[in-house]
């Protein structure tokens, strides 16, 4: 059981993260990769991601065991509601003091056979030998894993987190922070002044006026996650609610009926981003037609358009990404 003690000052400082956290999603997705549960949500993702990996899993297993503690330094916090993002997170990881790395790897190594990781890969001590090379190797591996297992699905991840934020935001407007905490997923229970949560070990976390950042996560599953070090900025990472339909599915014929076949093709072609010229080539329409369709989708809130040099770049909004997830019979809640 996890018990987070929330004072009146802390309650006034409860806040929601503005978007998914790339570092948390990367590390937590590695748990899901080795977990056979949740096949409806994660089955297709596991199969596709494993096909893209090239040895990264063996190295990451040394510092991210299948269950239990993993080092806090892998998921650095910016201290505010805005997650650092992947690049800034990697830089913060690179700047981790050597003493902290050694201390947290020592916690990870406790109880293991000497010189062994759970997967038979390199022991975690390979990071804490005082040289920059092992840490750089970890960062390179994390980036490669993120590109293979997280980045291709980021629109889905962001759309799910945005849906959760919408639910929590309505609760906050209707009843304040009390109502917000009361509407968190069922494994978390608000019994003022204590926020209780299912947890693999007994933990007491006292906020001491620092407030609490609520970080919804696509890849978190079953129980929330907090830092082991109580001196770090308090963050509660909790699972979003997934629909019963598969999370990563292709849009069906319903999308064409909803927005029209041409515009559904345009929306799908925008994918992870493209210019108007690229969009015209992908869809086989004229430049003027591609621009018009993108404009309609932008006005509908499905596409975001930004100037990129002498051209414009179209990307999906979370709403557009959610639409492309593909005909789930129930909305994300």
Protein backbone atom coordinates (compact mmCIF):
# COMPACT_ATOMS: atom_id res chain seq x y z
CA UNK A 1 0.00 0.00 0.00
CA UNK A 2 1.21 3.50 -0.89
CA UNK A 3 0.06 6.33 1.35
CA UNK A 4 0.65 9.90 0.20
CA UNK A 5 0.04 12.42 2.98
CA UNK A 6 -1.51 15.58 1.54
CA UNK A 7 -1.72 18.77 3.59
CA UNK A 8 -3.97 21.71 2.74
CA UNK A 9 -1.00 23.43 1.12
CA UNK A 10 -0.22 20.31 -0.89
CA UNK A 11 -3.84 20.06 -2.04
CA UNK A 12 -3.65 23.58 -3.44
CA UNK A 13 -0.51 22.55 -5.34
CA UNK A 14 -1.83 19.40 -6.98
CA UNK A 15 -1.41 19.75 -10.75
CA UNK A 16 -1.74 17.72 -13.92
CA UNK A 17 1.13 17.09 -16.33
CA UNK A 18 0.57 18.89 -19.61
CA UNK A 19 1.43 15.89 -21.82
CA UNK A 20 2.92 12.40 -21.71
CA UNK A 21 6.43 12.11 -20.32
CA UNK A 22 8.75 10.54 -22.89
CA UNK A 23 11.16 9.13 -20.31
CA UNK A 24 8.46 7.52 -18.17
CA UNK A 25 6.72 6.09 -21.24
CA UNK A 26 10.00 4.67 -22.53
CA UNK A 27 10.93 2.91 -19.29
CA UNK A 28 7.41 1.72 -18.49
CA UNK A 29 6.91 0.43 -22.03
CA UNK A 30 9.91 -1.83 -21.47
CA UNK A 31 7.97 -3.42 -18.61
CA UNK A 32 5.02 -3.97 -20.93
CA UNK A 33 7.26 -5.46 -23.61
CA UNK A 34 8.15 -8.37 -21.28
CA UNK A 35 4.68 -8.66 -19.77
CA UNK A 36 2.27 -11.15 -21.36
CA UNK A 37 -0.80 -9.49 -19.85
CA UNK A 38 -2.94 -6.88 -21.57
CA UNK A 39 -2.78 -8.48 -25.00
CA UNK A 40 -5.85 -6.58 -26.20
CA UNK A 41 -4.15 -3.25 -25.64
CA UNK A 42 -0.48 -4.13 -26.06
CA UNK A 43 -0.40 -7.34 -28.14
CA UNK A 44 0.02 -5.77 -31.57
CA UNK A 45 2.43 -3.17 -30.18
CA UNK A 46 4.61 -5.88 -28.61
CA UNK A 47 4.85 -7.83 -31.86
CA UNK A 48 5.72 -4.80 -33.97
CA UNK A 49 8.19 -3.36 -31.45
CA UNK A 50 10.07 -6.63 -30.96
CA UNK A 51 10.57 -6.85 -34.71
CA UNK A 52 12.25 -3.42 -34.69
CA UNK A 53 14.60 -4.02 -31.76
CA UNK A 54 18.23 -4.88 -32.32
CA UNK A 55 19.75 -5.96 -29.01
CA UNK A 56 18.47 -2.99 -26.96
CA UNK A 57 16.33 -5.21 -24.72
CA UNK A 58 19.33 -7.15 -23.39
CA UNK A 59 21.16 -4.00 -22.32
CA UNK A 60 18.11 -2.32 -20.80
CA UNK A 61 17.30 -5.44 -18.79
CA UNK A 62 20.40 -4.72 -16.73
CA UNK A 63 18.89 -1.53 -15.32
CA UNK A 64 15.14 -2.13 -15.75
CA UNK A 65 14.17 -5.47 -14.19
CA UNK A 66 10.85 -7.08 -15.15
CA UNK A 67 9.29 -5.93 -11.88
CA UNK A 68 10.11 -3.90 -8.80
CA UNK A 69 12.57 -1.07 -8.39
CA UNK A 70 14.37 0.63 -11.26
CA UNK A 71 16.68 3.62 -10.73
CA UNK A 72 15.02 7.01 -10.31
CA UNK A 73 17.66 8.67 -12.48
CA UNK A 74 16.17 6.95 -15.57
CA UNK A 75 13.10 9.21 -15.39
CA UNK A 76 14.36 12.72 -14.52
CA UNK A 77 11.82 15.33 -13.52
CA UNK A 78 11.72 18.96 -14.58
CA UNK A 79 10.01 19.85 -11.32
CA UNK A 80 6.98 21.43 -13.04
CA UNK A 81 3.89 20.40 -14.94
CA UNK A 82 5.72 20.36 -18.29
CA UNK A 83 7.65 17.10 -18.85
CA UNK A 84 11.21 17.56 -20.02
CA UNK A 85 10.73 15.81 -23.36
CA UNK A 86 13.03 13.15 -24.76
CA UNK A 87 16.05 15.32 -25.63
CA UNK A 88 15.99 17.31 -22.40
CA UNK A 89 15.35 14.12 -20.44
CA UNK A 90 18.39 12.46 -21.98
CA UNK A 91 20.52 15.48 -21.16
CA UNK A 92 19.28 15.43 -17.56
CA UNK A 93 20.15 11.73 -17.42
CA UNK A 94 23.62 12.50 -18.77
CA UNK A 95 24.09 15.12 -16.02
CA UNK A 96 23.21 12.72 -13.18
CA UNK A 97 25.90 12.94 -10.49
CA UNK A 98 28.12 9.89 -10.36
CA UNK A 99 27.43 9.38 -6.66
CA UNK A 100 23.70 9.19 -7.26
CA UNK A 101 24.14 6.69 -10.09
CA UNK A 102 26.26 4.47 -7.86
CA UNK A 103 23.79 4.71 -4.97
CA UNK A 104 20.75 3.84 -7.07
CA UNK A 105 22.52 1.04 -8.90
CA UNK A 106 23.50 -0.28 -5.48
CA UNK A 107 19.80 -0.49 -4.57
CA UNK A 108 19.15 -2.26 -7.86
CA UNK A 109 21.94 -4.78 -7.25
CA UNK A 110 20.80 -5.65 -3.74
CA UNK A 111 19.84 -9.31 -3.56
CA UNK A 112 21.22 -10.24 -6.97
CA UNK A 113 23.85 -12.86 -7.57
CA UNK A 114 27.24 -11.18 -8.04
CA UNK A 115 27.91 -10.05 -11.60
CA UNK A 116 24.50 -11.02 -12.92
CA UNK A 117 21.44 -9.18 -14.17
CA UNK A 118 18.01 -10.84 -14.22
CA UNK A 119 18.27 -11.46 -17.96
CA UNK A 120 21.85 -12.68 -17.97
CA UNK A 121 22.98 -9.42 -19.59
CA UNK A 122 25.64 -7.03 -18.29
CA UNK A 123 25.41 -6.31 -14.56
CA UNK A 124 24.15 -2.84 -13.58
CA UNK A 125 27.56 -2.01 -12.10
CA UNK A 126 28.85 -1.40 -15.65
CA UNK A 127 27.35 2.08 -15.38
CA UNK A 128 28.88 3.09 -12.10
CA UNK A 129 32.59 2.76 -12.75
CA UNK A 130 33.29 6.48 -12.97
CA UNK A 131 33.60 6.65 -16.75
CA UNK A 132 31.39 8.60 -19.16
CA UNK A 133 31.34 5.81 -21.78
CA UNK A 134 28.92 3.42 -20.02
CA UNK A 135 26.39 6.19 -19.34
CA UNK A 136 26.63 7.31 -22.96
CA UNK A 137 26.02 3.72 -24.01
CA UNK A 138 22.88 3.60 -21.85
CA UNK A 139 21.59 6.85 -23.37
CA UNK A 140 22.24 5.57 -26.90
CA UNK A 141 20.41 2.35 -26.08
CA UNK A 142 17.45 4.20 -24.55
CA UNK A 143 17.19 6.41 -27.64
CA UNK A 144 17.28 3.42 -29.97
CA UNK A 145 14.65 1.62 -27.91
CA UNK A 146 12.46 4.75 -27.85
CA UNK A 147 12.66 5.05 -31.63
CA UNK A 148 11.64 1.42 -32.07
CA UNK A 149 8.97 0.99 -29.39
CA UNK A 150 7.59 4.40 -28.43
CA UNK A 151 8.08 7.02 -31.14
CA UNK A 152 5.98 5.31 -33.86
CA UNK A 153 3.03 5.20 -31.46
CA UNK A 154 3.38 8.66 -29.93
CA UNK A 155 0.13 10.00 -31.46
CA UNK A 156 -1.76 7.13 -29.83
CA UNK A 157 0.00 7.70 -26.53
CA UNK A 158 -0.62 11.43 -26.58
CA UNK A 159 -4.28 11.03 -27.55
CA UNK A 160 -4.87 8.65 -24.64
CA UNK A 161 -3.19 11.00 -22.18
CA UNK A 162 -5.15 13.96 -23.55
CA UNK A 163 -8.39 12.03 -23.06
CA UNK A 164 -7.45 11.33 -19.45
CA UNK A 165 -6.52 14.97 -18.90
CA UNK A 166 -9.93 16.02 -20.21
CA UNK A 167 -11.65 13.84 -17.62
CA UNK A 168 -9.48 15.10 -14.76
CA UNK A 169 -9.82 18.70 -15.95
CA UNK A 170 -13.61 18.49 -15.83
CA UNK A 171 -13.40 17.07 -12.30
CA UNK A 172 -11.09 19.89 -11.24
CA UNK A 173 -13.46 22.52 -12.63
CA UNK A 174 -16.50 20.88 -11.04
CA UNK A 175 -15.13 20.20 -7.57
CA UNK A 176 -11.55 21.39 -7.19
CA UNK A 177 -8.53 19.29 -6.25
CA UNK A 178 -10.63 17.09 -3.93
CA UNK A 179 -12.81 16.00 -6.83
CA UNK A 180 -9.77 15.57 -9.07
CA UNK A 181 -8.13 13.15 -6.65
CA UNK A 182 -11.42 11.32 -6.11
CA UNK A 183 -11.75 10.57 -9.84
CA UNK A 184 -8.35 8.94 -10.30
CA UNK A 185 -8.38 5.27 -11.42
CA UNK A 186 -9.84 2.76 -8.95
CA UNK A 187 -6.47 1.50 -7.71
CA UNK A 188 -6.03 5.01 -6.21
CA UNK A 189 -8.35 6.16 -3.41
CA UNK A 190 -8.66 9.65 -1.95
CA UNK A 191 -9.37 9.45 1.79
CA UNK A 192 -8.51 12.94 2.87
CA UNK A 193 -5.89 13.80 3.94
CA UNK A 194 -4.29 10.61 2.56
CA UNK A 195 -4.15 9.44 -1.04
CA UNK A 196 -3.94 5.64 -0.94
CA UNK A 197 -2.92 3.41 -3.81
CA UNK A 198 -2.32 -0.26 -4.47
CA UNK A 199 1.42 -0.77 -4.40
CA UNK A 200 3.77 -3.77 -4.25
CA UNK A 201 5.38 -2.59 -0.98
CA UNK A 202 4.34 -0.41 1.95
CA UNK A 203 5.37 3.21 1.37
CA UNK A 204 4.66 6.45 3.19
CA UNK A 205 5.24 9.60 1.15
CA UNK A 206 4.94 12.99 2.86
CA UNK A 207 4.66 15.88 0.46
CA UNK A 208 5.61 18.52 3.06
CA UNK A 209 4.08 21.41 1.11
CA UNK A 210 5.68 20.52 -2.23
CA UNK A 211 2.40 19.55 -3.88
CA UNK A 212 1.96 16.61 -6.24
CA UNK A 213 2.29 16.23 -9.99
CA UNK A 214 -0.19 13.78 -11.52
CA UNK A 215 1.31 12.14 -14.60
CA UNK A 216 -1.05 9.95 -16.64
CA UNK A 217 0.79 7.23 -18.55
CA UNK A 218 -0.16 5.01 -21.46
CA UNK A 219 2.25 2.22 -20.53
CA UNK A 220 1.77 2.27 -16.77
CA UNK A 221 -0.34 -0.73 -15.79
CA UNK A 222 -1.95 -2.13 -12.65
CA UNK A 223 -0.44 0.14 -10.01
CA UNK A 224 0.90 3.70 -10.01
CA UNK A 225 4.59 4.53 -9.71
CA UNK A 226 6.44 7.04 -7.53
CA UNK A 227 10.11 7.82 -7.04
CA UNK A 228 11.82 5.77 -4.37
CA UNK A 229 13.82 8.80 -3.22
CA UNK A 230 11.40 10.95 -1.15
CA UNK A 231 13.63 13.96 -1.70
CA UNK A 232 12.82 14.11 -5.42
CA UNK A 233 9.90 16.24 -6.69
CA UNK A 234 6.73 14.26 -5.86
CA UNK A 235 5.25 12.65 -8.98
CA UNK A 236 2.44 10.08 -9.13
CA UNK A 237 2.52 8.22 -12.45
CA UNK A 238 -0.77 6.41 -12.96
CA UNK A 239 -2.32 4.33 -15.79
CA UNK A 240 -4.81 5.86 -18.20
CA UNK A 241 -7.98 3.87 -18.76
CA UNK A 242 -7.80 1.94 -22.02
CA UNK A 243 -10.86 1.05 -24.09
CA UNK A 244 -11.60 -2.64 -24.55
CA UNK A 245 -10.85 -2.39 -28.26
CA UNK A 246 -7.21 -2.80 -29.38
CA UNK A 247 -5.26 0.40 -28.87
CA UNK A 248 -3.24 0.24 -32.09
CA UNK A 249 -5.62 -0.53 -34.92
CA UNK A 250 -5.96 0.83 -38.41
CA UNK A 251 -8.99 2.98 -39.23
CA UNK A 252 -11.84 1.05 -40.78
CA UNK A 253 -14.37 2.07 -43.42
CA UNK A 254 -16.27 4.09 -40.80
CA UNK A 255 -13.65 6.85 -41.10
CA UNK A 256 -14.49 7.39 -44.76
CA UNK A 257 -18.17 7.56 -43.90
CA UNK A 258 -17.44 10.10 -41.16
CA UNK A 259 -15.18 12.59 -42.95
CA UNK A 260 -15.34 11.36 -46.55
CA UNK A 261 -12.99 8.99 -48.30
CA UNK A 262 -10.67 11.67 -49.65
CA UNK A 263 -10.31 13.47 -46.33
CA UNK A 264 -9.83 10.22 -44.45
CA UNK A 265 -6.97 9.46 -46.89
CA UNK A 266 -5.54 12.94 -46.31
CA UNK A 267 -5.75 12.55 -42.54
CA UNK A 268 -4.07 9.14 -42.67
CA UNK A 269 -1.36 10.46 -45.01
CA UNK A 270 -0.42 13.29 -42.67
CA UNK A 271 0.57 10.64 -40.12
CA UNK A 272 3.65 11.86 -38.27
CA UNK A 273 3.84 15.05 -40.32
CA UNK A 274 4.27 16.27 -43.89
CA UNK A 275 4.32 19.45 -45.98
CA UNK A 276 1.50 20.36 -48.36
CA UNK A 277 3.59 19.22 -51.33
CA UNK A 278 4.30 15.87 -49.69
CA UNK A 279 0.62 15.51 -48.84
CA UNK A 280 -0.37 16.12 -52.47
CA UNK A 281 2.09 13.46 -53.64
CA UNK A 282 0.98 10.92 -51.04
CA UNK A 283 -2.71 11.31 -51.82
CA UNK A 284 -2.50 11.88 -55.57
CA UNK A 285 -4.39 15.19 -55.50
CA UNK A 286 -3.41 18.65 -56.68
CA UNK A 287 -1.46 21.02 -54.45
CA UNK A 288 -4.49 23.31 -54.15
CA UNK A 289 -6.76 20.40 -53.21
CA UNK A 290 -4.30 19.11 -50.61
CA UNK A 291 -4.12 22.59 -49.08
CA UNK A 292 -7.91 22.86 -48.98
CA UNK A 293 -8.40 19.47 -47.32
CA UNK A 294 -5.71 20.25 -44.75
CA UNK A 295 -7.44 23.57 -44.03
CA UNK A 296 -10.79 21.85 -43.40
CA UNK A 297 -9.16 19.28 -41.11
CA UNK A 298 -7.32 22.05 -39.28
CA UNK A 299 -10.56 23.97 -38.70
CA UNK A 300 -12.09 20.74 -37.35
CA UNK A 301 -9.27 20.46 -34.81
CA UNK A 302 -7.75 17.32 -36.34
CA UNK A 303 -4.61 18.86 -37.83
CA UNK A 304 -2.12 21.47 -36.66
CA UNK A 305 -0.25 23.55 -39.24
CA UNK A 306 3.03 25.33 -38.54
CA UNK A 307 5.32 27.25 -40.86
CA UNK A 308 8.53 25.38 -41.53
CA UNK A 309 10.97 27.51 -43.49
CA UNK A 310 9.37 28.43 -46.80
CA UNK A 311 6.68 25.72 -46.49
CA UNK A 312 4.12 24.65 -43.91
CA UNK A 313 4.17 21.43 -41.92
CA UNK A 314 0.96 19.58 -41.09
CA UNK A 315 0.81 17.28 -38.05
CA UNK A 316 -1.99 15.47 -36.26
CA UNK A 317 -3.48 16.91 -33.11
CA UNK A 318 -4.24 14.43 -30.29
CA UNK A 319 -7.86 14.50 -31.51
CA UNK A 320 -6.76 13.61 -35.03
CA UNK A 321 -4.52 10.84 -33.68
CA UNK A 322 -7.39 9.50 -31.59
CA UNK A 323 -9.61 9.46 -34.65
CA UNK A 324 -7.03 7.45 -36.58
CA UNK A 325 -6.72 4.87 -33.82
CA UNK A 326 -9.59 3.16 -35.45
CA UNK A 327 -13.23 2.81 -34.56
CA UNK A 328 -13.16 1.84 -30.88
CA UNK A 329 -16.75 1.23 -29.77
CA UNK A 330 -16.15 3.06 -26.49
CA UNK A 331 -14.27 6.34 -26.05
CA UNK A 332 -11.15 6.52 -23.91
CA UNK A 333 -12.19 7.56 -20.40
